[in-house]
Amino acid sequence: MNKGIEFRQPPASSVLWPVPESKPLQDGQTYYYPDLNCCDGTGCIKSTWRGDIVDFRRLRAGIVHLDEWSAKAHRDAIIIARGGALYERTI
């Protein structure tokens, strides 16, 4: 391991999220996946299944959801399981 880099392992958690899709979708089908980079509160990205390598990478990563709510819940679960806090608007 690199000296000076702190590592942590999250404790066993009861954080739950909707089960992602496990099989390829139909071409042209809309799906959503968690967005950990967003800071505007949207929490997910909408995409269209084309059956390309990017779609299959997301599918194998377990992040493909058929609805926006599930993708957002998955994003929140990832943040909470890693000890982070959810973004809350104050205005």
PDB file of N, CA and C in Angstrom:
ATOM      1  N   MET A   1       0.834  -1.186   0.000  1.00  0.00           N
ATOM      2  CA  MET A   1       0.000   0.000   0.000  1.00  0.00           C
ATOM      3  C   MET A   1       0.875   1.245   0.000  1.00  0.00           C
ATOM      4  N   ASN A   2       0.311   2.321  -0.495  1.00  0.00           N
ATOM      5  CA  ASN A   2       1.018   3.593  -0.501  1.00  0.00           C
ATOM      6  C   ASN A   2       1.001   4.214   0.886  1.00  0.00           C
ATOM      7  N   LYS A   3       2.148   4.686   1.308  1.00  0.00           N
ATOM      8  CA  LYS A   3       2.211   5.363   2.599  1.00  0.00           C
ATOM      9  C   LYS A   3       1.539   6.723   2.464  1.00  0.00           C
ATOM     10  N   GLY A   4       0.852   7.134   3.509  1.00  0.00           N
ATOM     11  CA  GLY A   4       0.209   8.434   3.515  1.00  0.00           C
ATOM     12  C   GLY A   4      -1.207   8.428   2.959  1.00  0.00           C
ATOM     13  N   ILE A   5      -1.648   7.292   2.426  1.00  0.00           N
ATOM     14  CA  ILE A   5      -3.014   7.207   1.919  1.00  0.00           C
ATOM     15  C   ILE A   5      -3.838   6.431   2.925  1.00  0.00           C
ATOM     16  N   GLU A   6      -4.910   7.045   3.373  1.00  0.00           N
ATOM     17  CA  GLU A   6      -5.774   6.410   4.349  1.00  0.00           C
ATOM     18  C   GLU A   6      -6.855   5.608   3.630  1.00  0.00           C
ATOM     19  N   PHE A   7      -7.072   4.394   4.099  1.00  0.00           N
ATOM     20  CA  PHE A   7      -8.115   3.547   3.536  1.00  0.00           C
ATOM     21  C   PHE A   7      -9.137   3.284   4.620  1.00  0.00           C
ATOM     22  N   ARG A   8     -10.368   3.084   4.197  1.00  0.00           N
ATOM     23  CA  ARG A   8     -11.379   2.717   5.169  1.00  0.00           C
ATOM     24  C   ARG A   8     -12.313   1.691   4.532  1.00  0.00           C
ATOM     25  N   GLN A   9     -12.860   0.870   5.387  1.00  0.00           N
ATOM     26  CA  GLN A   9     -13.815  -0.127   4.941  1.00  0.00           C
ATOM     27  C   GLN A   9     -15.124   0.186   5.627  1.00  0.00           C
ATOM     28  N   PRO A  10     -16.185   0.345   4.836  1.00  0.00           N
ATOM     29  CA  PRO A  10     -17.456   0.669   5.474  1.00  0.00           C
ATOM     30  C   PRO A  10     -17.939  -0.488   6.342  1.00  0.00           C
ATOM     31  N   PRO A  11     -18.591  -0.177   7.439  1.00  0.00           N
ATOM     32  CA  PRO A  11     -19.133  -1.235   8.285  1.00  0.00           C
ATOM     33  C   PRO A  11     -20.268  -1.948   7.550  1.00  0.00           C
ATOM     34  N   ALA A  12     -20.598  -3.115   8.033  1.00  0.00           N
ATOM     35  CA  ALA A  12     -21.757  -3.809   7.459  1.00  0.00           C
ATOM     36  C   ALA A  12     -22.937  -2.847   7.529  1.00  0.00           C
ATOM     37  N   SER A  13     -23.667  -2.769   6.458  1.00  0.00           N
ATOM     38  CA  SER A  13     -24.708  -1.754   6.370  1.00  0.00           C
ATOM     39  C   SER A  13     -26.052  -2.380   6.041  1.00  0.00           C
ATOM     40  N   SER A  14     -27.086  -1.698   6.429  1.00  0.00           N
ATOM     41  CA  SER A  14     -28.436  -2.140   6.089  1.00  0.00           C
ATOM     42  C   SER A  14     -29.000  -1.266   4.964  1.00  0.00           C
ATOM     43  N   VAL A  15     -28.128  -0.559   4.272  1.00  0.00           N
ATOM     44  CA  VAL A  15     -28.560   0.300   3.171  1.00  0.00           C
ATOM     45  C   VAL A  15     -29.080  -0.580   2.040  1.00  0.00           C
ATOM     46  N   LEU A  16     -30.264  -0.280   1.569  1.00  0.00           N
ATOM     47  CA  LEU A  16     -30.898  -1.042   0.497  1.00  0.00           C
ATOM     48  C   LEU A  16     -31.189  -0.146  -0.698  1.00  0.00           C
ATOM     49  N   TRP A  17     -31.238  -0.751  -1.880  1.00  0.00           N
ATOM     50  CA  TRP A  17     -31.642  -0.028  -3.080  1.00  0.00           C
ATOM     51  C   TRP A  17     -32.335  -1.005  -4.006  1.00  0.00           C
ATOM     52  N   PRO A  18     -33.136  -0.493  -4.946  1.00  0.00           N
ATOM     53  CA  PRO A  18     -33.834  -1.374  -5.878  1.00  0.00           C
ATOM     54  C   PRO A  18     -32.843  -2.210  -6.689  1.00  0.00           C
ATOM     55  N   VAL A  19     -33.220  -3.442  -6.953  1.00  0.00           N
ATOM     56  CA  VAL A  19     -32.367  -4.345  -7.716  1.00  0.00           C
ATOM     57  C   VAL A  19     -32.238  -3.830  -9.148  1.00  0.00           C
ATOM     58  N   PRO A  20     -30.994  -3.688  -9.629  1.00  0.00           N
ATOM     59  CA  PRO A  20     -30.802  -3.235 -11.011  1.00  0.00           C
ATOM     60  C   PRO A  20     -31.120  -4.351 -12.005  1.00  0.00           C
ATOM     61  N   GLU A  21     -31.243  -3.983 -13.248  1.00  0.00           N
ATOM     62  CA  GLU A  21     -31.495  -4.957 -14.308  1.00  0.00           C
ATOM     63  C   GLU A  21     -30.297  -5.889 -14.436  1.00  0.00           C
ATOM     64  N   SER A  22     -30.553  -7.118 -14.839  1.00  0.00           N
ATOM     65  CA  SER A  22     -29.467  -8.083 -14.987  1.00  0.00           C
ATOM     66  C   SER A  22     -29.391  -8.647 -16.405  1.00  0.00           C
ATOM     67  N   LYS A  23     -30.370  -8.330 -17.230  1.00  0.00           N
ATOM     68  CA  LYS A  23     -30.394  -8.817 -18.607  1.00  0.00           C
ATOM     69  C   LYS A  23     -30.439  -7.633 -19.567  1.00  0.00           C
ATOM     70  N   PRO A  24     -29.882  -7.817 -20.760  1.00  0.00           N
ATOM     71  CA  PRO A  24     -29.889  -6.725 -21.745  1.00  0.00           C
ATOM     72  C   PRO A  24     -31.315  -6.237 -22.022  1.00  0.00           C
ATOM     73  N   LEU A  25     -31.426  -4.939 -22.263  1.00  0.00           N
ATOM     74  CA  LEU A  25     -32.715  -4.325 -22.570  1.00  0.00           C
ATOM     75  C   LEU A  25     -32.996  -4.421 -24.064  1.00  0.00           C
ATOM     76  N   GLN A  26     -34.174  -3.966 -24.442  1.00  0.00           N
ATOM     77  CA  GLN A  26     -34.541  -3.892 -25.857  1.00  0.00           C
ATOM     78  C   GLN A  26     -33.887  -2.657 -26.471  1.00  0.00           C
ATOM     79  N   ASP A  27     -33.427  -2.770 -27.712  1.00  0.00           N
ATOM     80  CA  ASP A  27     -32.860  -1.598 -28.390  1.00  0.00           C
ATOM     81  C   ASP A  27     -33.872  -0.463 -28.374  1.00  0.00           C
ATOM     82  N   GLY A  28     -33.388   0.731 -28.021  1.00  0.00           N
ATOM     83  CA  GLY A  28     -34.239   1.913 -27.953  1.00  0.00           C
ATOM     84  C   GLY A  28     -34.926   2.120 -26.617  1.00  0.00           C
ATOM     85  N   GLN A  29     -34.793   1.172 -25.688  1.00  0.00           N
ATOM     86  CA  GLN A  29     -35.439   1.285 -24.384  1.00  0.00           C
ATOM     87  C   GLN A  29     -34.706   2.299 -23.508  1.00  0.00           C
ATOM     88  N   THR A  30     -35.454   3.123 -22.835  1.00  0.00           N
ATOM     89  CA  THR A  30     -34.888   4.124 -21.928  1.00  0.00           C
ATOM     90  C   THR A  30     -34.493   3.459 -20.616  1.00  0.00           C
ATOM     91  N   TYR A  31     -33.346   3.872 -20.085  1.00  0.00           N
ATOM     92  CA  TYR A  31     -32.935   3.419 -18.766  1.00  0.00           C
ATOM     93  C   TYR A  31     -32.205   4.549 -18.056  1.00  0.00           C
ATOM     94  N   TYR A  32     -31.978   4.359 -16.769  1.00  0.00           N
ATOM     95  CA  TYR A  32     -31.337   5.363 -15.923  1.00  0.00           C
ATOM     96  C   TYR A  32     -30.222   4.691 -15.132  1.00  0.00           C
ATOM     97  N   TYR A  33     -29.208   5.472 -14.806  1.00  0.00           N
ATOM     98  CA  TYR A  33     -28.138   4.955 -13.953  1.00  0.00           C
ATOM     99  C   TYR A  33     -27.690   6.044 -12.989  1.00  0.00           C
ATOM    100  N   PRO A  34     -27.184   5.647 -11.806  1.00  0.00           N
ATOM    101  CA  PRO A  34     -26.790   6.616 -10.783  1.00  0.00           C
ATOM    102  C   PRO A  34     -25.681   7.541 -11.283  1.00  0.00           C
ATOM    103  N   ASP A  35     -25.769   8.798 -10.883  1.00  0.00           N
ATOM    104  CA  ASP A  35     -24.742   9.791 -11.229  1.00  0.00           C
ATOM    105  C   ASP A  35     -24.124  10.315  -9.946  1.00  0.00           C
ATOM    106  N   LEU A  36     -22.920   9.868  -9.652  1.00  0.00           N
ATOM    107  CA  LEU A  36     -22.227  10.312  -8.438  1.00  0.00           C
ATOM    108  C   LEU A  36     -21.515  11.637  -8.640  1.00  0.00           C
ATOM    109  N   ASN A  37     -21.449  12.117  -9.853  1.00  0.00           N
ATOM    110  CA  ASN A  37     -20.743  13.371 -10.135  1.00  0.00           C
ATOM    111  C   ASN A  37     -21.643  14.593 -10.095  1.00  0.00           C
ATOM    112  N   CYS A  38     -22.922  14.389 -10.042  1.00  0.00           N
ATOM    113  CA  CYS A  38     -23.815  15.550 -10.128  1.00  0.00           C
ATOM    114  C   CYS A  38     -23.943  16.234  -8.778  1.00  0.00           C
ATOM    115  N   CYS A  39     -24.083  17.514  -8.826  1.00  0.00           N
ATOM    116  CA  CYS A  39     -24.284  18.267  -7.581  1.00  0.00           C
ATOM    117  C   CYS A  39     -25.536  19.123  -7.687  1.00  0.00           C
ATOM    118  N   ASP A  40     -26.343  18.890  -8.695  1.00  0.00           N
ATOM    119  CA  ASP A  40     -27.557  19.698  -8.861  1.00  0.00           C
ATOM    120  C   ASP A  40     -28.798  18.996  -8.333  1.00  0.00           C
ATOM    121  N   GLY A  41     -28.614  17.839  -7.705  1.00  0.00           N
ATOM    122  CA  GLY A  41     -29.737  17.149  -7.100  1.00  0.00           C
ATOM    123  C   GLY A  41     -30.464  16.177  -8.006  1.00  0.00           C
ATOM    124  N   THR A  42     -30.076  16.061  -9.279  1.00  0.00           N
ATOM    125  CA  THR A  42     -30.785  15.138 -10.157  1.00  0.00           C
ATOM    126  C   THR A  42     -30.488  13.696  -9.785  1.00  0.00           C
ATOM    127  N   GLY A  43     -29.249  13.343  -9.554  1.00  0.00           N
ATOM    128  CA  GLY A  43     -28.893  12.037  -9.034  1.00  0.00           C
ATOM    129  C   GLY A  43     -28.827  10.882 -10.015  1.00  0.00           C
ATOM    130  N   CYS A  44     -29.264  11.096 -11.245  1.00  0.00           N
ATOM    131  CA  CYS A  44     -29.179  10.014 -12.208  1.00  0.00           C
ATOM    132  C   CYS A  44     -29.088  10.565 -13.627  1.00  0.00           C
ATOM    133  N   ILE A  45     -28.702   9.686 -14.525  1.00  0.00           N
ATOM    134  CA  ILE A  45     -28.579  10.062 -15.931  1.00  0.00           C
ATOM    135  C   ILE A  45     -29.504   9.170 -16.746  1.00  0.00           C
ATOM    136  N   LYS A  46     -30.219   9.776 -17.668  1.00  0.00           N
ATOM    137  CA  LYS A  46     -31.120   9.051 -18.570  1.00  0.00           C
ATOM    138  C   LYS A  46     -30.331   8.637 -19.808  1.00  0.00           C
ATOM    139  N   SER A  47     -30.537   7.407 -20.267  1.00  0.00           N
ATOM    140  CA  SER A  47     -29.852   6.924 -21.458  1.00  0.00           C
ATOM    141  C   SER A  47     -30.795   6.043 -22.267  1.00  0.00           C
ATOM    142  N   THR A  48     -30.387   5.723 -23.469  1.00  0.00           N
ATOM    143  CA  THR A  48     -31.151   4.835 -24.342  1.00  0.00           C
ATOM    144  C   THR A  48     -30.301   3.620 -24.672  1.00  0.00           C
ATOM    145  N   TRP A  49     -30.870   2.438 -24.498  1.00  0.00           N
ATOM    146  CA  TRP A  49     -30.143   1.206 -24.758  1.00  0.00           C
ATOM    147  C   TRP A  49     -29.888   1.057 -26.258  1.00  0.00           C
ATOM    148  N   ARG A  50     -28.623   0.889 -26.581  1.00  0.00           N
ATOM    149  CA  ARG A  50     -28.218   0.675 -27.972  1.00  0.00           C
ATOM    150  C   ARG A  50     -27.498  -0.660 -28.133  1.00  0.00           C
ATOM    151  N   GLY A  51     -27.225  -1.304 -27.022  1.00  0.00           N
ATOM    152  CA  GLY A  51     -26.533  -2.585 -27.052  1.00  0.00           C
ATOM    153  C   GLY A  51     -25.046  -2.456 -27.330  1.00  0.00           C
ATOM    154  N   ASP A  52     -24.507  -1.259 -27.084  1.00  0.00           N
ATOM    155  CA  ASP A  52     -23.074  -1.060 -27.322  1.00  0.00           C
ATOM    156  C   ASP A  52     -22.279  -1.416 -26.061  1.00  0.00           C
ATOM    157  N   ILE A  53     -20.981  -1.276 -26.156  1.00  0.00           N
ATOM    158  CA  ILE A  53     -20.108  -1.674 -25.048  1.00  0.00           C
ATOM    159  C   ILE A  53     -20.372  -0.862 -23.781  1.00  0.00           C
ATOM    160  N   VAL A  54     -20.738   0.399 -23.928  1.00  0.00           N
ATOM    161  CA  VAL A  54     -21.028   1.238 -22.760  1.00  0.00           C
ATOM    162  C   VAL A  54     -22.264   0.715 -22.031  1.00  0.00           C
ATOM    163  N   ASP A  55     -23.315   0.373 -22.785  1.00  0.00           N
ATOM    164  CA  ASP A  55     -24.518  -0.186 -22.157  1.00  0.00           C
ATOM    165  C   ASP A  55     -24.189  -1.468 -21.402  1.00  0.00           C
ATOM    166  N   PHE A  56     -23.412  -2.353 -22.023  1.00  0.00           N
ATOM    167  CA  PHE A  56     -23.086  -3.611 -21.371  1.00  0.00           C
ATOM    168  C   PHE A  56     -22.160  -3.424 -20.172  1.00  0.00           C
ATOM    169  N   ARG A  57     -21.295  -2.426 -20.201  1.00  0.00           N
ATOM    170  CA  ARG A  57     -20.459  -2.138 -19.020  1.00  0.00           C
ATOM    171  C   ARG A  57     -21.326  -1.685 -17.850  1.00  0.00           C
ATOM    172  N   ARG A  58     -22.299  -0.839 -18.128  1.00  0.00           N
ATOM    173  CA  ARG A  58     -23.216  -0.394 -17.073  1.00  0.00           C
ATOM    174  C   ARG A  58     -24.032  -1.561 -16.542  1.00  0.00           C
ATOM    175  N   LEU A  59     -24.480  -2.440 -17.444  1.00  0.00           N
ATOM    176  CA  LEU A  59     -25.254  -3.602 -17.036  1.00  0.00           C
ATOM    177  C   LEU A  59     -24.417  -4.504 -16.130  1.00  0.00           C
ATOM    178  N   ARG A  60     -23.183  -4.791 -16.531  1.00  0.00           N
ATOM    179  CA  ARG A  60     -22.293  -5.633 -15.709  1.00  0.00           C
ATOM    180  C   ARG A  60     -21.951  -4.968 -14.380  1.00  0.00           C
ATOM    181  N   ALA A  61     -21.898  -3.648 -14.364  1.00  0.00           N
ATOM    182  CA  ALA A  61     -21.601  -2.923 -13.120  1.00  0.00           C
ATOM    183  C   ALA A  61     -22.808  -2.910 -12.177  1.00  0.00           C
ATOM    184  N   GLY A  62     -23.957  -3.317 -12.681  1.00  0.00           N
ATOM    185  CA  GLY A  62     -25.146  -3.376 -11.833  1.00  0.00           C
ATOM    186  C   GLY A  62     -25.758  -2.025 -11.558  1.00  0.00           C
ATOM    187  N   ILE A  63     -25.744  -1.136 -12.553  1.00  0.00           N
ATOM    188  CA  ILE A  63     -26.274   0.209 -12.323  1.00  0.00           C
ATOM    189  C   ILE A  63     -27.411   0.580 -13.273  1.00  0.00           C
ATOM    190  N   VAL A  64     -27.919  -0.355 -14.057  1.00  0.00           N
ATOM    191  CA  VAL A  64     -28.998  -0.067 -15.013  1.00  0.00           C
ATOM    192  C   VAL A  64     -30.358  -0.241 -14.332  1.00  0.00           C
ATOM    193  N   HIS A  65     -31.150   0.821 -14.353  1.00  0.00           N
ATOM    194  CA  HIS A  65     -32.496   0.807 -13.775  1.00  0.00           C
ATOM    195  C   HIS A  65     -33.495   1.299 -14.820  1.00  0.00           C
ATOM    196  N   LEU A  66     -34.723   0.813 -14.723  1.00  0.00           N
ATOM    197  CA  LEU A  66     -35.745   1.188 -15.697  1.00  0.00           C
ATOM    198  C   LEU A  66     -36.500   2.455 -15.326  1.00  0.00           C
ATOM    199  N   ASP A  67     -36.296   2.937 -14.112  1.00  0.00           N
ATOM    200  CA  ASP A  67     -36.972   4.178 -13.728  1.00  0.00           C
ATOM    201  C   ASP A  67     -36.008   5.095 -12.967  1.00  0.00           C
ATOM    202  N   GLU A  68     -36.327   6.353 -13.021  1.00  0.00           N
ATOM    203  CA  GLU A  68     -35.484   7.398 -12.434  1.00  0.00           C
ATOM    204  C   GLU A  68     -35.369   7.243 -10.917  1.00  0.00           C
ATOM    205  N   TRP A  69     -36.483   6.934 -10.260  1.00  0.00           N
ATOM    206  CA  TRP A  69     -36.480   6.818  -8.806  1.00  0.00           C
ATOM    207  C   TRP A  69     -35.490   5.754  -8.344  1.00  0.00           C
ATOM    208  N   SER A  70     -35.475   4.602  -9.020  1.00  0.00           N
ATOM    209  CA  SER A  70     -34.581   3.505  -8.626  1.00  0.00           C
ATOM    210  C   SER A  70     -33.113   3.885  -8.773  1.00  0.00           C
ATOM    211  N   ALA A  71     -32.786   4.578  -9.860  1.00  0.00           N
ATOM    212  CA  ALA A  71     -31.402   5.011 -10.067  1.00  0.00           C
ATOM    213  C   ALA A  71     -30.981   6.015  -9.000  1.00  0.00           C
ATOM    214  N   LYS A  72     -31.885   6.924  -8.640  1.00  0.00           N
ATOM    215  CA  LYS A  72     -31.574   7.905  -7.591  1.00  0.00           C
ATOM    216  C   LYS A  72     -31.403   7.215  -6.236  1.00  0.00           C
ATOM    217  N   ALA A  73     -32.268   6.250  -5.947  1.00  0.00           N
ATOM    218  CA  ALA A  73     -32.162   5.512  -4.680  1.00  0.00           C
ATOM    219  C   ALA A  73     -30.847   4.734  -4.623  1.00  0.00           C
ATOM    220  N   HIS A  74     -30.423   4.185  -5.760  1.00  0.00           N
ATOM    221  CA  HIS A  74     -29.158   3.458  -5.832  1.00  0.00           C
ATOM    222  C   HIS A  74     -27.997   4.414  -5.556  1.00  0.00           C
ATOM    223  N   ARG A  75     -28.041   5.586  -6.163  1.00  0.00           N
ATOM    224  CA  ARG A  75     -27.007   6.599  -5.938  1.00  0.00           C
ATOM    225  C   ARG A  75     -26.931   6.969  -4.453  1.00  0.00           C
ATOM    226  N   ASP A  76     -28.081   7.231  -3.853  1.00  0.00           N
ATOM    227  CA  ASP A  76     -28.111   7.589  -2.431  1.00  0.00           C
ATOM    228  C   ASP A  76     -27.541   6.468  -1.564  1.00  0.00           C
ATOM    229  N   ALA A  77     -27.868   5.228  -1.898  1.00  0.00           N
ATOM    230  CA  ALA A  77     -27.369   4.090  -1.130  1.00  0.00           C
ATOM    231  C   ALA A  77     -25.847   3.977  -1.220  1.00  0.00           C
ATOM    232  N   ILE A  78     -25.302   4.220  -2.403  1.00  0.00           N
ATOM    233  CA  ILE A  78     -23.846   4.177  -2.567  1.00  0.00           C
ATOM    234  C   ILE A  78     -23.190   5.228  -1.676  1.00  0.00           C
ATOM    235  N   ILE A  79     -23.727   6.435  -1.695  1.00  0.00           N
ATOM    236  CA  ILE A  79     -23.159   7.529  -0.899  1.00  0.00           C
ATOM    237  C   ILE A  79     -23.238   7.210   0.592  1.00  0.00           C
ATOM    238  N   ILE A  80     -24.396   6.759   1.041  1.00  0.00           N
ATOM    239  CA  ILE A  80     -24.587   6.462   2.460  1.00  0.00           C
ATOM    240  C   ILE A  80     -23.707   5.290   2.892  1.00  0.00           C
ATOM    241  N   ALA A  81     -23.635   4.233   2.068  1.00  0.00           N
ATOM    242  CA  ALA A  81     -22.832   3.058   2.415  1.00  0.00           C
ATOM    243  C   ALA A  81     -21.357   3.402   2.539  1.00  0.00           C
ATOM    244  N   ARG A  82     -20.914   4.415   1.853  1.00  0.00           N
ATOM    245  CA  ARG A  82     -19.512   4.834   1.898  1.00  0.00           C
ATOM    246  C   ARG A  82     -19.258   5.908   2.954  1.00  0.00           C
ATOM    247  N   GLY A  83     -20.270   6.203   3.756  1.00  0.00           N
ATOM    248  CA  GLY A  83     -20.091   7.141   4.854  1.00  0.00           C
ATOM    249  C   GLY A  83     -20.279   8.594   4.475  1.00  0.00           C
ATOM    250  N   GLY A  84     -20.789   8.834   3.278  1.00  0.00           N
ATOM    251  CA  GLY A  84     -21.012  10.204   2.830  1.00  0.00           C
ATOM    252  C   GLY A  84     -22.364  10.725   3.275  1.00  0.00           C
ATOM    253  N   ALA A  85     -22.616  11.978   2.955  1.00  0.00           N
ATOM    254  CA  ALA A  85     -23.883  12.617   3.281  1.00  0.00           C
ATOM    255  C   ALA A  85     -24.567  13.040   1.986  1.00  0.00           C
ATOM    256  N   LEU A  86     -25.865  12.988   1.994  1.00  0.00           N
ATOM    257  CA  LEU A  86     -26.628  13.387   0.820  1.00  0.00           C
ATOM    258  C   LEU A  86     -26.708  14.903   0.717  1.00  0.00           C
ATOM    259  N   TYR A  87     -26.708  15.375  -0.490  1.00  0.00           N
ATOM    260  CA  TYR A  87     -26.811  16.811  -0.775  1.00  0.00           C
ATOM    261  C   TYR A  87     -28.228  17.268  -0.459  1.00  0.00           C
ATOM    262  N   GLU A  88     -28.324  18.337   0.281  1.00  0.00           N
ATOM    263  CA  GLU A  88     -29.643  18.912   0.570  1.00  0.00           C
ATOM    264  C   GLU A  88     -29.615  20.388   0.207  1.00  0.00           C
ATOM    265  N   ARG A  89     -30.627  20.804  -0.522  1.00  0.00           N
ATOM    266  CA  ARG A  89     -30.723  22.218  -0.864  1.00  0.00           C
ATOM    267  C   ARG A  89     -31.222  23.005   0.341  1.00  0.00           C
ATOM    268  N   THR A  90     -30.657  24.170   0.530  1.00  0.00           N
ATOM    269  CA  THR A  90     -31.070  24.995   1.660  1.00  0.00           C
ATOM    270  C   THR A  90     -31.856  26.209   1.202  1.00  0.00           C
ATOM    271  N   ILE A  91     -31.965  26.381  -0.087  1.00  0.00           N
ATOM    272  CA  ILE A  91     -32.701  27.538  -0.620  1.00  0.00           C
ATOM    273  C   ILE A  91     -33.925  27.058  -1.354  1.00  0.00           C
TER     274      ILE A  91
END
